[in-house]
Amino acid sequence: MPDKQYTNPSDSLTGAVRDSYLFKTLSDRERSLLLQTGEEVTIAEGDIILSQGEEGDCFFLVLDGKVRVSTNRGTDVVPLAELGRGALLGEVAVLNRGKRTATAVALTETRLVKFPRDSFLSLLDGNPKLKALIKKVVARRAEDTIEKTLKTMT
């Protein structure tokens, strides 16, 4: 894993969480609890943020920068998405308490917020509306991944 620069949550973190379509459903108190669990991470261009197959012990919210997400199918690399500000990474493995289904690489220097799995799952247990919304996002991602993987087979 690359060296990471950690800082305390900042105003940009507060704004990103407040503006995120997923986290808009949270009350001010719940947003505050979420912010307390997050830490900012800066990743250098070209560094791996998360790797397919590793344990999903956290997820990320992109503050700034660009990230390429891909998955492996045998020896082929299947590009899935390029993500920027406000996007989530690694939430599928967190929700499923499983392994990562994709690899994410920083295309530019990228600032992220890292949220630990257990803290986030506790927050979800108290917010069924947010839990349902995140499950919809995960389902859409799964459909998109299947579609893109199948296209590489033809």
C-alpha atoms as a PDB file:
ATOM      1  CA  MET A   1       0.000   0.000   0.000  1.00  0.00           C
ATOM      2  CA  PRO A   2       1.385   3.471  -0.817  1.00  0.00           C
ATOM      3  CA  ASP A   3       2.380   6.017   1.777  1.00  0.00           C
ATOM      4  CA  LYS A   4      -0.620   8.106   2.679  1.00  0.00           C
ATOM      5  CA  GLN A   5      -0.868  11.534   4.171  1.00  0.00           C
ATOM      6  CA  TYR A   6      -3.465  11.652   6.945  1.00  0.00           C
ATOM      7  CA  THR A   7      -5.020  14.825   8.261  1.00  0.00           C
ATOM      8  CA  ASN A   8      -7.922  15.642  10.527  1.00  0.00           C
ATOM      9  CA  PRO A   9     -11.361  16.149   8.976  1.00  0.00           C
ATOM     10  CA  SER A  10     -11.611  19.609   7.437  1.00  0.00           C
ATOM     11  CA  ASP A  11     -14.210  21.975   6.087  1.00  0.00           C
ATOM     12  CA  SER A  12     -13.905  20.273   2.681  1.00  0.00           C
ATOM     13  CA  LEU A  13     -14.778  16.962   4.336  1.00  0.00           C
ATOM     14  CA  THR A  14     -17.799  18.477   6.054  1.00  0.00           C
ATOM     15  CA  GLY A  15     -18.943  19.995   2.757  1.00  0.00           C
ATOM     16  CA  ALA A  16     -18.423  16.798   0.777  1.00  0.00           C
ATOM     17  CA  VAL A  17     -20.444  14.737   3.241  1.00  0.00           C
ATOM     18  CA  ARG A  18     -23.164  17.393   3.440  1.00  0.00           C
ATOM     19  CA  ASP A  19     -23.364  17.659  -0.371  1.00  0.00           C
ATOM     20  CA  SER A  20     -23.220  13.925  -1.085  1.00  0.00           C
ATOM     21  CA  TYR A  21     -26.543  12.659  -2.432  1.00  0.00           C
ATOM     22  CA  LEU A  22     -26.184   9.608  -0.190  1.00  0.00           C
ATOM     23  CA  PHE A  23     -25.520  11.499   3.001  1.00  0.00           C
ATOM     24  CA  LYS A  24     -28.145  14.223   2.482  1.00  0.00           C
ATOM     25  CA  THR A  25     -30.644  11.903   4.162  1.00  0.00           C
ATOM     26  CA  LEU A  26     -28.675  12.047   7.420  1.00  0.00           C
ATOM     27  CA  SER A  27     -29.659  14.359  10.240  1.00  0.00           C
ATOM     28  CA  ASP A  28     -27.062  16.894  11.430  1.00  0.00           C
ATOM     29  CA  ARG A  29     -26.333  14.601  14.375  1.00  0.00           C
ATOM     30  CA  GLU A  30     -25.828  11.550  12.142  1.00  0.00           C
ATOM     31  CA  ARG A  31     -23.601  13.538   9.772  1.00  0.00           C
ATOM     32  CA  SER A  32     -21.542  14.631  12.756  1.00  0.00           C
ATOM     33  CA  LEU A  33     -21.169  10.998  13.883  1.00  0.00           C
ATOM     34  CA  LEU A  34     -20.109   9.985  10.375  1.00  0.00           C
ATOM     35  CA  LEU A  35     -17.558  12.806  10.194  1.00  0.00           C
ATOM     36  CA  GLN A  36     -16.033  11.716  13.490  1.00  0.00           C
ATOM     37  CA  THR A  37     -15.217   8.310  11.999  1.00  0.00           C
ATOM     38  CA  GLY A  38     -13.700   9.601   8.757  1.00  0.00           C
ATOM     39  CA  GLU A  39     -10.120  10.575   8.077  1.00  0.00           C
ATOM     40  CA  GLU A  40      -8.719  12.344   5.038  1.00  0.00           C
ATOM     41  CA  VAL A  41      -6.206  10.443   2.938  1.00  0.00           C
ATOM     42  CA  THR A  42      -4.128  11.791   0.043  1.00  0.00           C
ATOM     43  CA  ILE A  43      -3.093   9.264  -2.610  1.00  0.00           C
ATOM     44  CA  ALA A  44      -0.431   9.969  -5.231  1.00  0.00           C
ATOM     45  CA  GLU A  45      -1.170   9.648  -8.942  1.00  0.00           C
ATOM     46  CA  GLY A  46      -0.813   6.035 -10.050  1.00  0.00           C
ATOM     47  CA  ASP A  47      -1.100   4.535  -6.564  1.00  0.00           C
ATOM     48  CA  ILE A  48      -3.594   1.784  -5.769  1.00  0.00           C
ATOM     49  CA  ILE A  49      -6.368   2.847  -3.388  1.00  0.00           C
ATOM     50  CA  LEU A  50      -7.934  -0.591  -3.003  1.00  0.00           C
ATOM     51  CA  SER A  51      -7.307  -3.971  -4.607  1.00  0.00           C
ATOM     52  CA  GLN A  52      -9.695  -6.618  -5.842  1.00  0.00           C
ATOM     53  CA  GLY A  53      -9.748  -9.562  -3.435  1.00  0.00           C
ATOM     54  CA  GLU A  54      -8.648  -7.723  -0.301  1.00  0.00           C
ATOM     55  CA  GLU A  55     -10.886  -7.514   2.777  1.00  0.00           C
ATOM     56  CA  GLY A  56     -13.394  -4.639   2.698  1.00  0.00           C
ATOM     57  CA  ASP A  57     -12.641  -3.037   6.049  1.00  0.00           C
ATOM     58  CA  CYS A  58     -13.420   0.530   4.921  1.00  0.00           C
ATOM     59  CA  PHE A  59     -14.852   2.596   2.088  1.00  0.00           C
ATOM     60  CA  PHE A  60     -13.910   5.956   0.616  1.00  0.00           C
ATOM     61  CA  LEU A  61     -15.586   9.189  -0.464  1.00  0.00           C
ATOM     62  CA  VAL A  62     -13.695  11.116  -3.161  1.00  0.00           C
ATOM     63  CA  LEU A  63     -13.054  14.746  -2.178  1.00  0.00           C
ATOM     64  CA  ASP A  64     -10.854  15.745  -5.134  1.00  0.00           C
ATOM     65  CA  GLY A  65      -9.129  13.946  -7.980  1.00  0.00           C
ATOM     66  CA  LYS A  66      -9.907  11.152 -10.425  1.00  0.00           C
ATOM     67  CA  VAL A  67      -9.992   7.418  -9.797  1.00  0.00           C
ATOM     68  CA  ARG A  68     -10.121   4.546 -12.295  1.00  0.00           C
ATOM     69  CA  VAL A  69     -12.028   1.440 -11.177  1.00  0.00           C
ATOM     70  CA  SER A  70     -11.486  -1.896 -12.911  1.00  0.00           C
ATOM     71  CA  THR A  71     -11.996  -5.588 -12.281  1.00  0.00           C
ATOM     72  CA  ASN A  72     -10.091  -8.659 -13.386  1.00  0.00           C
ATOM     73  CA  ARG A  73     -11.685 -11.410 -15.439  1.00  0.00           C
ATOM     74  CA  GLY A  74      -9.063 -14.083 -15.825  1.00  0.00           C
ATOM     75  CA  THR A  75      -6.075 -12.304 -17.346  1.00  0.00           C
ATOM     76  CA  ASP A  76      -8.204  -9.448 -18.718  1.00  0.00           C
ATOM     77  CA  VAL A  77      -8.650  -6.116 -16.961  1.00  0.00           C
ATOM     78  CA  VAL A  78     -12.202  -4.785 -17.393  1.00  0.00           C
ATOM     79  CA  PRO A  79     -12.524  -1.002 -16.950  1.00  0.00           C
ATOM     80  CA  LEU A  80     -15.642  -0.152 -14.944  1.00  0.00           C
ATOM     81  CA  ALA A  81     -15.604   3.575 -14.273  1.00  0.00           C
ATOM     82  CA  GLU A  82     -13.694   6.803 -13.793  1.00  0.00           C
ATOM     83  CA  LEU A  83     -14.914   8.537 -10.655  1.00  0.00           C
ATOM     84  CA  GLY A  84     -14.471  12.010  -9.205  1.00  0.00           C
ATOM     85  CA  ARG A  85     -15.674  14.252  -6.395  1.00  0.00           C
ATOM     86  CA  GLY A  86     -18.557  12.816  -4.398  1.00  0.00           C
ATOM     87  CA  ALA A  87     -18.147   9.221  -5.607  1.00  0.00           C
ATOM     88  CA  LEU A  88     -17.947   6.265  -3.233  1.00  0.00           C
ATOM     89  CA  LEU A  89     -15.344   3.491  -3.487  1.00  0.00           C
ATOM     90  CA  GLY A  90     -15.330   0.168  -1.702  1.00  0.00           C
ATOM     91  CA  GLU A  91     -18.850   0.316  -0.331  1.00  0.00           C
ATOM     92  CA  VAL A  92     -19.863  -3.026  -1.861  1.00  0.00           C
ATOM     93  CA  ALA A  93     -17.354  -5.007   0.224  1.00  0.00           C
ATOM     94  CA  VAL A  94     -18.256  -3.001   3.338  1.00  0.00           C
ATOM     95  CA  LEU A  95     -21.968  -3.705   3.006  1.00  0.00           C
ATOM     96  CA  ASN A  96     -21.403  -7.358   2.152  1.00  0.00           C
ATOM     97  CA  ARG A  97     -18.680  -7.770   4.787  1.00  0.00           C
ATOM     98  CA  GLY A  98     -16.678  -9.404   2.057  1.00  0.00           C
ATOM     99  CA  LYS A  99     -13.747  -8.972  -0.279  1.00  0.00           C
ATOM    100  CA  ARG A 100     -13.214  -6.163  -2.779  1.00  0.00           C
ATOM    101  CA  THR A 101     -14.777  -6.792  -6.186  1.00  0.00           C
ATOM    102  CA  ALA A 102     -12.635  -4.232  -8.020  1.00  0.00           C
ATOM    103  CA  THR A 103      -9.351  -2.338  -7.962  1.00  0.00           C
ATOM    104  CA  ALA A 104      -9.219   1.464  -7.751  1.00  0.00           C
ATOM    105  CA  VAL A 105      -6.188   3.480  -8.906  1.00  0.00           C
ATOM    106  CA  ALA A 106      -5.647   7.230  -8.541  1.00  0.00           C
ATOM    107  CA  LEU A 107      -5.431   8.853 -11.999  1.00  0.00           C
ATOM    108  CA  THR A 108      -4.394  12.140 -10.386  1.00  0.00           C
ATOM    109  CA  GLU A 109      -3.374  13.071  -6.874  1.00  0.00           C
ATOM    110  CA  THR A 110      -6.576  12.231  -5.048  1.00  0.00           C
ATOM    111  CA  ARG A 111      -7.967  13.286  -1.683  1.00  0.00           C
ATOM    112  CA  LEU A 112     -10.362  10.808  -0.112  1.00  0.00           C
ATOM    113  CA  VAL A 113     -12.194  10.305   3.143  1.00  0.00           C
ATOM    114  CA  LYS A 114     -11.692   6.855   4.611  1.00  0.00           C
ATOM    115  CA  PHE A 115     -14.607   5.476   6.674  1.00  0.00           C
ATOM    116  CA  PRO A 116     -14.127   2.302   8.755  1.00  0.00           C
ATOM    117  CA  ARG A 117     -16.631  -0.499   8.077  1.00  0.00           C
ATOM    118  CA  ASP A 118     -17.855  -1.099  11.626  1.00  0.00           C
ATOM    119  CA  SER A 119     -18.571   2.567  12.370  1.00  0.00           C
ATOM    120  CA  PHE A 120     -20.446   2.977   9.110  1.00  0.00           C
ATOM    121  CA  LEU A 121     -22.504  -0.190   9.536  1.00  0.00           C
ATOM    122  CA  SER A 122     -23.527   0.986  13.021  1.00  0.00           C
ATOM    123  CA  LEU A 123     -24.711   4.261  11.492  1.00  0.00           C
ATOM    124  CA  LEU A 124     -26.684   2.361   8.817  1.00  0.00           C
ATOM    125  CA  ASP A 125     -28.429   0.268  11.448  1.00  0.00           C
ATOM    126  CA  GLY A 126     -29.885   3.476  12.859  1.00  0.00           C
ATOM    127  CA  ASN A 127     -30.876   4.920   9.480  1.00  0.00           C
ATOM    128  CA  PRO A 128     -33.012   2.588   7.327  1.00  0.00           C
ATOM    129  CA  LYS A 129     -33.512   5.281   4.660  1.00  0.00           C
ATOM    130  CA  LEU A 130     -29.755   5.630   4.107  1.00  0.00           C
ATOM    131  CA  LYS A 131     -29.319   1.853   4.208  1.00  0.00           C
ATOM    132  CA  ALA A 132     -31.942   1.391   1.471  1.00  0.00           C
ATOM    133  CA  LEU A 133     -30.369   4.118  -0.679  1.00  0.00           C
ATOM    134  CA  ILE A 134     -26.894   2.599  -0.414  1.00  0.00           C
ATOM    135  CA  LYS A 135     -28.249  -0.844  -1.270  1.00  0.00           C
ATOM    136  CA  LYS A 136     -29.739   0.656  -4.458  1.00  0.00           C
ATOM    137  CA  VAL A 137     -26.355   2.155  -5.367  1.00  0.00           C
ATOM    138  CA  VAL A 138     -24.663  -1.205  -4.771  1.00  0.00           C
ATOM    139  CA  ALA A 139     -27.263  -3.007  -6.912  1.00  0.00           C
ATOM    140  CA  ARG A 140     -26.744  -0.520  -9.773  1.00  0.00           C
ATOM    141  CA  ARG A 141     -22.967  -0.971  -9.539  1.00  0.00           C
ATOM    142  CA  ALA A 142     -23.350  -4.756  -9.627  1.00  0.00           C
ATOM    143  CA  GLU A 143     -25.551  -4.566 -12.740  1.00  0.00           C
ATOM    144  CA  ASP A 144     -23.082  -2.213 -14.438  1.00  0.00           C
ATOM    145  CA  THR A 145     -20.135  -4.476 -13.584  1.00  0.00           C
ATOM    146  CA  ILE A 146     -21.915  -7.554 -14.947  1.00  0.00           C
ATOM    147  CA  GLU A 147     -22.848  -5.721 -18.145  1.00  0.00           C
ATOM    148  CA  LYS A 148     -19.288  -4.466 -18.748  1.00  0.00           C
ATOM    149  CA  THR A 149     -17.784  -7.860 -17.953  1.00  0.00           C
ATOM    150  CA  LEU A 150     -20.157  -9.613 -20.360  1.00  0.00           C
ATOM    151  CA  LYS A 151     -19.240  -7.144 -23.140  1.00  0.00           C
ATOM    152  CA  THR A 152     -15.608  -8.230 -22.887  1.00  0.00           C
ATOM    153  CA  MET A 153     -16.645 -11.831 -23.454  1.00  0.00           C
ATOM    154  CA  THR A 154     -18.132 -11.137 -26.896  1.00  0.00           C
END
